[in-house]
C-alpha atoms as a PDB file:
ATOM      1  CA  UNK A   1       0.045   0.009  -0.063  1.00  0.00           C
ATOM      2  CA  UNK A   2       1.039   3.618  -0.343  1.00  0.00           C
ATOM      3  CA  UNK A   3       2.580   5.743   2.212  1.00  0.00           C
ATOM      4  CA  UNK A   4      -0.275   8.089   2.831  1.00  0.00           C
ATOM      5  CA  UNK A   5      -2.971   8.017   5.392  1.00  0.00           C
ATOM      6  CA  UNK A   6      -5.903   6.060   4.097  1.00  0.00           C
ATOM      7  CA  UNK A   7      -9.411   4.891   5.520  1.00  0.00           C
ATOM      8  CA  UNK A   8     -12.088   6.542   7.514  1.00  0.00           C
ATOM      9  CA  UNK A   9     -11.151   9.193  10.026  1.00  0.00           C
ATOM     10  CA  UNK A  10     -11.575   8.167  13.509  1.00  0.00           C
ATOM     11  CA  UNK A  11     -15.018   9.196  15.074  1.00  0.00           C
ATOM     12  CA  UNK A  12     -14.359  11.083  18.236  1.00  0.00           C
ATOM     13  CA  UNK A  13     -16.536  13.283  20.294  1.00  0.00           C
ATOM     14  CA  UNK A  14     -14.381  16.312  19.562  1.00  0.00           C
ATOM     15  CA  UNK A  15     -14.910  15.912  15.902  1.00  0.00           C
ATOM     16  CA  UNK A  16     -18.634  15.438  16.424  1.00  0.00           C
ATOM     17  CA  UNK A  17     -18.930  18.436  18.567  1.00  0.00           C
ATOM     18  CA  UNK A  18     -16.979  20.549  16.105  1.00  0.00           C
ATOM     19  CA  UNK A  19     -19.335  19.496  13.280  1.00  0.00           C
ATOM     20  CA  UNK A  20     -22.311  19.844  15.228  1.00  0.00           C
ATOM     21  CA  UNK A  21     -21.507  23.492  16.166  1.00  0.00           C
ATOM     22  CA  UNK A  22     -20.470  24.420  12.583  1.00  0.00           C
ATOM     23  CA  UNK A  23     -24.220  24.255  11.572  1.00  0.00           C
ATOM     24  CA  UNK A  24     -25.063  26.637  14.245  1.00  0.00           C
ATOM     25  CA  UNK A  25     -22.491  29.321  13.466  1.00  0.00           C
ATOM     26  CA  UNK A  26     -22.647  28.968   9.637  1.00  0.00           C
ATOM     27  CA  UNK A  27     -22.950  32.280   7.699  1.00  0.00           C
ATOM     28  CA  UNK A  28     -21.772  34.491  10.644  1.00  0.00           C
ATOM     29  CA  UNK A  29     -25.176  34.928  12.278  1.00  0.00           C
ATOM     30  CA  UNK A  30     -26.139  37.359  15.086  1.00  0.00           C
ATOM     31  CA  UNK A  31     -26.027  36.120  18.656  1.00  0.00           C
ATOM     32  CA  UNK A  32     -29.804  35.810  18.830  1.00  0.00           C
ATOM     33  CA  UNK A  33     -29.905  33.593  15.748  1.00  0.00           C
ATOM     34  CA  UNK A  34     -27.159  31.461  16.918  1.00  0.00           C
ATOM     35  CA  UNK A  35     -29.144  30.983  20.214  1.00  0.00           C
ATOM     36  CA  UNK A  36     -32.336  30.101  18.206  1.00  0.00           C
ATOM     37  CA  UNK A  37     -30.468  27.539  16.078  1.00  0.00           C
ATOM     38  CA  UNK A  38     -28.578  25.832  19.022  1.00  0.00           C
ATOM     39  CA  UNK A  39     -31.865  25.361  21.004  1.00  0.00           C
ATOM     40  CA  UNK A  40     -33.919  24.263  18.082  1.00  0.00           C
ATOM     41  CA  UNK A  41     -31.197  21.745  16.942  1.00  0.00           C
ATOM     42  CA  UNK A  42     -30.359  20.488  20.469  1.00  0.00           C
ATOM     43  CA  UNK A  43     -33.891  20.054  21.800  1.00  0.00           C
ATOM     44  CA  UNK A  44     -35.275  18.286  18.619  1.00  0.00           C
ATOM     45  CA  UNK A  45     -32.399  15.817  18.551  1.00  0.00           C
ATOM     46  CA  UNK A  46     -32.674  15.228  22.365  1.00  0.00           C
ATOM     47  CA  UNK A  47     -36.374  14.531  22.108  1.00  0.00           C
ATOM     48  CA  UNK A  48     -36.035  12.922  18.754  1.00  0.00           C
ATOM     49  CA  UNK A  49     -38.410  15.375  17.032  1.00  0.00           C
ATOM     50  CA  UNK A  50     -38.680  16.808  13.733  1.00  0.00           C
ATOM     51  CA  UNK A  51     -37.351  20.394  13.839  1.00  0.00           C
ATOM     52  CA  UNK A  52     -40.413  21.494  12.283  1.00  0.00           C
ATOM     53  CA  UNK A  53     -42.797  19.791  14.596  1.00  0.00           C
ATOM     54  CA  UNK A  54     -45.855  22.138  15.116  1.00  0.00           C
ATOM     55  CA  UNK A  55     -46.008  21.207  18.714  1.00  0.00           C
ATOM     56  CA  UNK A  56     -42.651  22.841  19.460  1.00  0.00           C
ATOM     57  CA  UNK A  57     -43.367  26.355  20.621  1.00  0.00           C
ATOM     58  CA  UNK A  58     -40.664  28.836  20.239  1.00  0.00           C
ATOM     59  CA  UNK A  59     -40.851  31.825  22.510  1.00  0.00           C
ATOM     60  CA  UNK A  60     -37.231  33.142  22.603  1.00  0.00           C
ATOM     61  CA  UNK A  61     -37.217  36.962  22.317  1.00  0.00           C
ATOM     62  CA  UNK A  62     -38.430  40.080  24.095  1.00  0.00           C
ATOM     63  CA  UNK A  63     -41.168  39.045  26.863  1.00  0.00           C
ATOM     64  CA  UNK A  64     -40.484  35.359  26.718  1.00  0.00           C
ATOM     65  CA  UNK A  65     -40.596  35.194  30.502  1.00  0.00           C
ATOM     66  CA  UNK A  66     -37.402  33.029  30.593  1.00  0.00           C
ATOM     67  CA  UNK A  67     -38.995  30.461  28.271  1.00  0.00           C
ATOM     68  CA  UNK A  68     -37.090  29.871  25.086  1.00  0.00           C
ATOM     69  CA  UNK A  69     -38.950  26.627  23.912  1.00  0.00           C
ATOM     70  CA  UNK A  70     -41.889  24.536  25.168  1.00  0.00           C
ATOM     71  CA  UNK A  71     -43.024  21.074  24.069  1.00  0.00           C
ATOM     72  CA  UNK A  72     -45.966  19.186  25.288  1.00  0.00           C
ATOM     73  CA  UNK A  73     -45.196  15.269  25.309  1.00  0.00           C
ATOM     74  CA  UNK A  74     -48.377  13.184  25.150  1.00  0.00           C
ATOM     75  CA  UNK A  75     -47.998  10.041  27.106  1.00  0.00           C
ATOM     76  CA  UNK A  76     -49.126   6.704  25.705  1.00  0.00           C
ATOM     77  CA  UNK A  77     -52.151   4.767  27.034  1.00  0.00           C
ATOM     78  CA  UNK A  78     -51.461   1.692  29.146  1.00  0.00           C
ATOM     79  CA  UNK A  79     -53.265  -1.751  28.921  1.00  0.00           C
ATOM     80  CA  UNK A  80     -56.164  -0.337  30.654  1.00  0.00           C
ATOM     81  CA  UNK A  81     -56.566   2.526  28.189  1.00  0.00           C
ATOM     82  CA  UNK A  82     -55.350   5.082  30.875  1.00  0.00           C
ATOM     83  CA  UNK A  83     -52.779   7.685  30.053  1.00  0.00           C
ATOM     84  CA  UNK A  84     -49.379   7.176  31.453  1.00  0.00           C
ATOM     85  CA  UNK A  85     -49.091  11.035  31.900  1.00  0.00           C
ATOM     86  CA  UNK A  86     -48.220  13.981  29.847  1.00  0.00           C
ATOM     87  CA  UNK A  87     -45.066  16.095  30.177  1.00  0.00           C
ATOM     88  CA  UNK A  88     -44.460  19.846  29.534  1.00  0.00           C
ATOM     89  CA  UNK A  89     -40.804  20.524  28.667  1.00  0.00           C
ATOM     90  CA  UNK A  90     -39.960  24.169  29.428  1.00  0.00           C
ATOM     91  CA  UNK A  91     -36.452  24.833  27.891  1.00  0.00           C
ATOM     92  CA  UNK A  92     -34.202  27.494  28.952  1.00  0.00           C
ATOM     93  CA  UNK A  93     -31.310  27.462  26.427  1.00  0.00           C
ATOM     94  CA  UNK A  94     -27.760  28.957  26.681  1.00  0.00           C
ATOM     95  CA  UNK A  95     -25.126  28.881  24.148  1.00  0.00           C
ATOM     96  CA  UNK A  96     -21.614  29.796  24.785  1.00  0.00           C
ATOM     97  CA  UNK A  97     -20.912  32.990  26.903  1.00  0.00           C
ATOM     98  CA  UNK A  98     -24.783  33.276  27.675  1.00  0.00           C
ATOM     99  CA  UNK A  99     -24.266  30.613  30.112  1.00  0.00           C
ATOM    100  CA  UNK A 100     -22.647  32.032  33.311  1.00  0.00           C
ATOM    101  CA  UNK A 101     -22.631  29.035  35.441  1.00  0.00           C
ATOM    102  CA  UNK A 102     -24.326  29.174  38.826  1.00  0.00           C
ATOM    103  CA  UNK A 103     -25.685  32.650  38.569  1.00  0.00           C
ATOM    104  CA  UNK A 104     -27.454  31.727  35.199  1.00  0.00           C
ATOM    105  CA  UNK A 105     -29.128  28.623  36.476  1.00  0.00           C
ATOM    106  CA  UNK A 106     -30.627  30.406  39.521  1.00  0.00           C
ATOM    107  CA  UNK A 107     -31.631  33.655  37.789  1.00  0.00           C
ATOM    108  CA  UNK A 108     -33.255  31.940  34.915  1.00  0.00           C
ATOM    109  CA  UNK A 109     -35.006  29.321  37.054  1.00  0.00           C
ATOM    110  CA  UNK A 110     -36.515  32.051  39.184  1.00  0.00           C
ATOM    111  CA  UNK A 111     -37.564  33.872  36.100  1.00  0.00           C
ATOM    112  CA  UNK A 112     -39.345  30.830  34.677  1.00  0.00           C
ATOM    113  CA  UNK A 113     -41.008  30.071  38.017  1.00  0.00           C
ATOM    114  CA  UNK A 114     -42.282  33.545  38.247  1.00  0.00           C
ATOM    115  CA  UNK A 115     -43.636  33.312  34.785  1.00  0.00           C
ATOM    116  CA  UNK A 116     -45.485  30.108  35.418  1.00  0.00           C
ATOM    117  CA  UNK A 117     -46.811  31.254  38.617  1.00  0.00           C
ATOM    118  CA  UNK A 118     -48.442  34.407  36.959  1.00  0.00           C
ATOM    119  CA  UNK A 119     -46.116  37.127  38.597  1.00  0.00           C
ATOM    120  CA  UNK A 120     -44.846  38.260  35.157  1.00  0.00           C
ATOM    121  CA  UNK A 121     -47.347  40.507  33.206  1.00  0.00           C
ATOM    122  CA  UNK A 122     -45.174  41.904  30.499  1.00  0.00           C
ATOM    123  CA  UNK A 123     -45.186  38.782  28.264  1.00  0.00           C
ATOM    124  CA  UNK A 124     -45.268  38.363  24.529  1.00  0.00           C
ATOM    125  CA  UNK A 125     -48.558  37.010  23.009  1.00  0.00           C
ATOM    126  CA  UNK A 126     -46.846  33.703  22.365  1.00  0.00           C
ATOM    127  CA  UNK A 127     -45.595  33.474  25.806  1.00  0.00           C
ATOM    128  CA  UNK A 128     -48.859  34.686  27.423  1.00  0.00           C
ATOM    129  CA  UNK A 129     -50.957  32.138  25.521  1.00  0.00           C
ATOM    130  CA  UNK A 130     -48.370  29.343  26.460  1.00  0.00           C
ATOM    131  CA  UNK A 131     -48.371  30.171  30.115  1.00  0.00           C
ATOM    132  CA  UNK A 132     -52.280  29.996  30.158  1.00  0.00           C
ATOM    133  CA  UNK A 133     -51.907  26.476  28.527  1.00  0.00           C
ATOM    134  CA  UNK A 134     -49.274  25.554  31.382  1.00  0.00           C
ATOM    135  CA  UNK A 135     -51.138  26.846  34.244  1.00  0.00           C
ATOM    136  CA  UNK A 136     -54.244  25.084  33.161  1.00  0.00           C
ATOM    137  CA  UNK A 137     -52.197  21.942  32.677  1.00  0.00           C
ATOM    138  CA  UNK A 138     -50.805  22.329  36.385  1.00  0.00           C
ATOM    139  CA  UNK A 139     -54.587  22.685  37.638  1.00  0.00           C
ATOM    140  CA  UNK A 140     -55.883  19.635  36.045  1.00  0.00           C
ATOM    141  CA  UNK A 141     -52.725  17.509  36.256  1.00  0.00           C
ATOM    142  CA  UNK A 142     -52.670  13.956  37.468  1.00  0.00           C
ATOM    143  CA  UNK A 143     -50.045  12.179  39.587  1.00  0.00           C
ATOM    144  CA  UNK A 144     -48.527  10.983  36.321  1.00  0.00           C
ATOM    145  CA  UNK A 145     -48.174  14.327  34.630  1.00  0.00           C
ATOM    146  CA  UNK A 146     -44.935  16.281  34.754  1.00  0.00           C
ATOM    147  CA  UNK A 147     -43.569  19.687  34.080  1.00  0.00           C
ATOM    148  CA  UNK A 148     -39.813  19.790  33.535  1.00  0.00           C
ATOM    149  CA  UNK A 149     -37.615  22.735  33.355  1.00  0.00           C
ATOM    150  CA  UNK A 150     -34.581  22.020  31.100  1.00  0.00           C
ATOM    151  CA  UNK A 151     -31.472  23.814  30.822  1.00  0.00           C
ATOM    152  CA  UNK A 152     -29.821  23.320  27.520  1.00  0.00           C
ATOM    153  CA  UNK A 153     -26.032  24.116  27.277  1.00  0.00           C
ATOM    154  CA  UNK A 154     -23.110  23.369  25.001  1.00  0.00           C
ATOM    155  CA  UNK A 155     -21.123  21.397  27.633  1.00  0.00           C
ATOM    156  CA  UNK A 156     -22.292  19.242  30.556  1.00  0.00           C
ATOM    157  CA  UNK A 157     -22.893  20.896  33.978  1.00  0.00           C
ATOM    158  CA  UNK A 158     -20.223  20.371  36.570  1.00  0.00           C
ATOM    159  CA  UNK A 159     -20.881  18.742  40.095  1.00  0.00           C
ATOM    160  CA  UNK A 160     -21.680  22.172  41.605  1.00  0.00           C
ATOM    161  CA  UNK A 161     -24.160  23.151  39.051  1.00  0.00           C
ATOM    162  CA  UNK A 162     -25.764  19.730  39.312  1.00  0.00           C
ATOM    163  CA  UNK A 163     -26.236  20.361  43.027  1.00  0.00           C
ATOM    164  CA  UNK A 164     -27.954  23.607  42.184  1.00  0.00           C
ATOM    165  CA  UNK A 165     -30.476  21.693  39.928  1.00  0.00           C
ATOM    166  CA  UNK A 166     -31.512  19.804  43.017  1.00  0.00           C
ATOM    167  CA  UNK A 167     -32.098  23.015  44.974  1.00  0.00           C
ATOM    168  CA  UNK A 168     -34.057  24.387  41.845  1.00  0.00           C
ATOM    169  CA  UNK A 169     -36.162  21.205  41.977  1.00  0.00           C
ATOM    170  CA  UNK A 170     -37.102  21.778  45.628  1.00  0.00           C
ATOM    171  CA  UNK A 171     -37.902  25.489  45.023  1.00  0.00           C
ATOM    172  CA  UNK A 172     -39.966  24.558  42.061  1.00  0.00           C
ATOM    173  CA  UNK A 173     -41.980  21.805  43.942  1.00  0.00           C
ATOM    174  CA  UNK A 174     -42.701  24.300  46.778  1.00  0.00           C
ATOM    175  CA  UNK A 175     -44.321  26.813  44.299  1.00  0.00           C
ATOM    176  CA  UNK A 176     -45.808  24.486  41.627  1.00  0.00           C
ATOM    177  CA  UNK A 177     -46.136  21.219  43.236  1.00  0.00           C
ATOM    178  CA  UNK A 178     -44.802  17.497  42.990  1.00  0.00           C
ATOM    179  CA  UNK A 179     -45.259  17.597  39.206  1.00  0.00           C
ATOM    180  CA  UNK A 180     -42.072  19.928  38.878  1.00  0.00           C
ATOM    181  CA  UNK A 181     -38.801  18.372  37.868  1.00  0.00           C
ATOM    182  CA  UNK A 182     -35.565  19.826  36.406  1.00  0.00           C
ATOM    183  CA  UNK A 183     -33.098  18.409  34.028  1.00  0.00           C
ATOM    184  CA  UNK A 184     -30.193  19.392  31.773  1.00  0.00           C
ATOM    185  CA  UNK A 185     -29.170  18.552  28.104  1.00  0.00           C
ATOM    186  CA  UNK A 186     -26.141  19.416  26.077  1.00  0.00           C
ATOM    187  CA  UNK A 187     -24.272  18.327  23.004  1.00  0.00           C
ATOM    188  CA  UNK A 188     -22.879  15.365  25.016  1.00  0.00           C
ATOM    189  CA  UNK A 189     -26.336  14.132  25.532  1.00  0.00           C
ATOM    190  CA  UNK A 190     -27.202  13.818  21.870  1.00  0.00           C
ATOM    191  CA  UNK A 191     -23.735  12.754  20.826  1.00  0.00           C
ATOM    192  CA  UNK A 192     -24.113   9.686  23.172  1.00  0.00           C
ATOM    193  CA  UNK A 193     -27.406   8.802  21.294  1.00  0.00           C
ATOM    194  CA  UNK A 194     -25.674   9.247  18.027  1.00  0.00           C
ATOM    195  CA  UNK A 195     -22.641   6.942  18.935  1.00  0.00           C
ATOM    196  CA  UNK A 196     -25.220   4.272  20.178  1.00  0.00           C
ATOM    197  CA  UNK A 197     -26.998   4.517  16.963  1.00  0.00           C
ATOM    198  CA  UNK A 198     -23.730   4.033  14.929  1.00  0.00           C
ATOM    199  CA  UNK A 199     -22.679   1.159  17.147  1.00  0.00           C
ATOM    200  CA  UNK A 200     -25.997  -0.705  16.600  1.00  0.00           C
ATOM    201  CA  UNK A 201     -25.683  -0.299  12.845  1.00  0.00           C
ATOM    202  CA  UNK A 202     -21.968  -1.536  12.858  1.00  0.00           C
ATOM    203  CA  UNK A 203     -23.173  -4.475  15.009  1.00  0.00           C
ATOM    204  CA  UNK A 204     -26.025  -5.230  12.915  1.00  0.00           C
ATOM    205  CA  UNK A 205     -23.956  -5.061   9.783  1.00  0.00           C
ATOM    206  CA  UNK A 206     -21.302  -7.467  11.390  1.00  0.00           C
ATOM    207  CA  UNK A 207     -23.773 -10.046  12.374  1.00  0.00           C
ATOM    208  CA  UNK A 208     -25.374  -9.975   8.916  1.00  0.00           C
ATOM    209  CA  UNK A 209     -22.009 -10.534   7.441  1.00  0.00           C
ATOM    210  CA  UNK A 210     -21.279 -13.405   9.808  1.00  0.00           C
ATOM    211  CA  UNK A 211     -24.624 -15.075   9.620  1.00  0.00           C
ATOM    212  CA  UNK A 212     -23.786 -17.447   6.938  1.00  0.00           C
ATOM    213  CA  UNK A 213     -20.790 -18.821   8.914  1.00  0.00           C
ATOM    214  CA  UNK A 214     -22.741 -18.912  12.135  1.00  0.00           C
ATOM    215  CA  UNK A 215     -25.611 -20.956  10.476  1.00  0.00           C
ATOM    216  CA  UNK A 216     -22.983 -23.274   9.018  1.00  0.00           C
ATOM    217  CA  UNK A 217     -21.133 -23.666  12.288  1.00  0.00           C
ATOM    218  CA  UNK A 218     -24.394 -24.261  14.082  1.00  0.00           C
ATOM    219  CA  UNK A 219     -25.497 -26.974  11.669  1.00  0.00           C
ATOM    220  CA  UNK A 220     -22.225 -28.795  12.097  1.00  0.00           C
ATOM    221  CA  UNK A 221     -22.457 -28.525  15.865  1.00  0.00           C
ATOM    222  CA  UNK A 222     -26.074 -30.121  15.895  1.00  0.00           C
ATOM    223  CA  UNK A 223     -25.171 -32.818  13.268  1.00  0.00           C
ATOM    224  CA  UNK A 224     -22.211 -33.812  15.123  1.00  0.00           C
END
């Protein structure tokens, strides 16, 4: 063989992250557009939704009340025909320097909780309508329903930030009820899904290639 490097380039998280972000910053967009692209791509991949799904509500902008994106996931029916519970995902997205660690988590969670509790009046028409739906959902919620505040960031939260999420969960439960929960998602989250998907494809391909040999070997064993 020749002396040059050949074959597929190694698939690493660093290369995946770089390529993933490239779509976000393509065309030298404004910081607002970058944030919108980031949240839209990350949440749709995390929840495995079409980016153009009509059930995804985009509120990011003036008067959003701290809610960038919201999505209502309808639960499946169990064997008795009863709903397993619906979940509202309330996403607060922070790309790059917009995320300032502990301060951001506490300030944004307080803003969202005030909005949902009805203490913020200066909301956009989209956010105002969304809050009405969420408050109605809370009033009629069952034990299986959830309302999850999700922080979307580029990189994973550190241990201190994860402990703060637990404090936010406690605060949210005291104001909204036990249906409140908190979570975080980042590029690593969707990367893990991607790598597992690739691994399954490779494994499936390998098994299909080896199946004739495995069948032949099996026949030899049972006929022995």
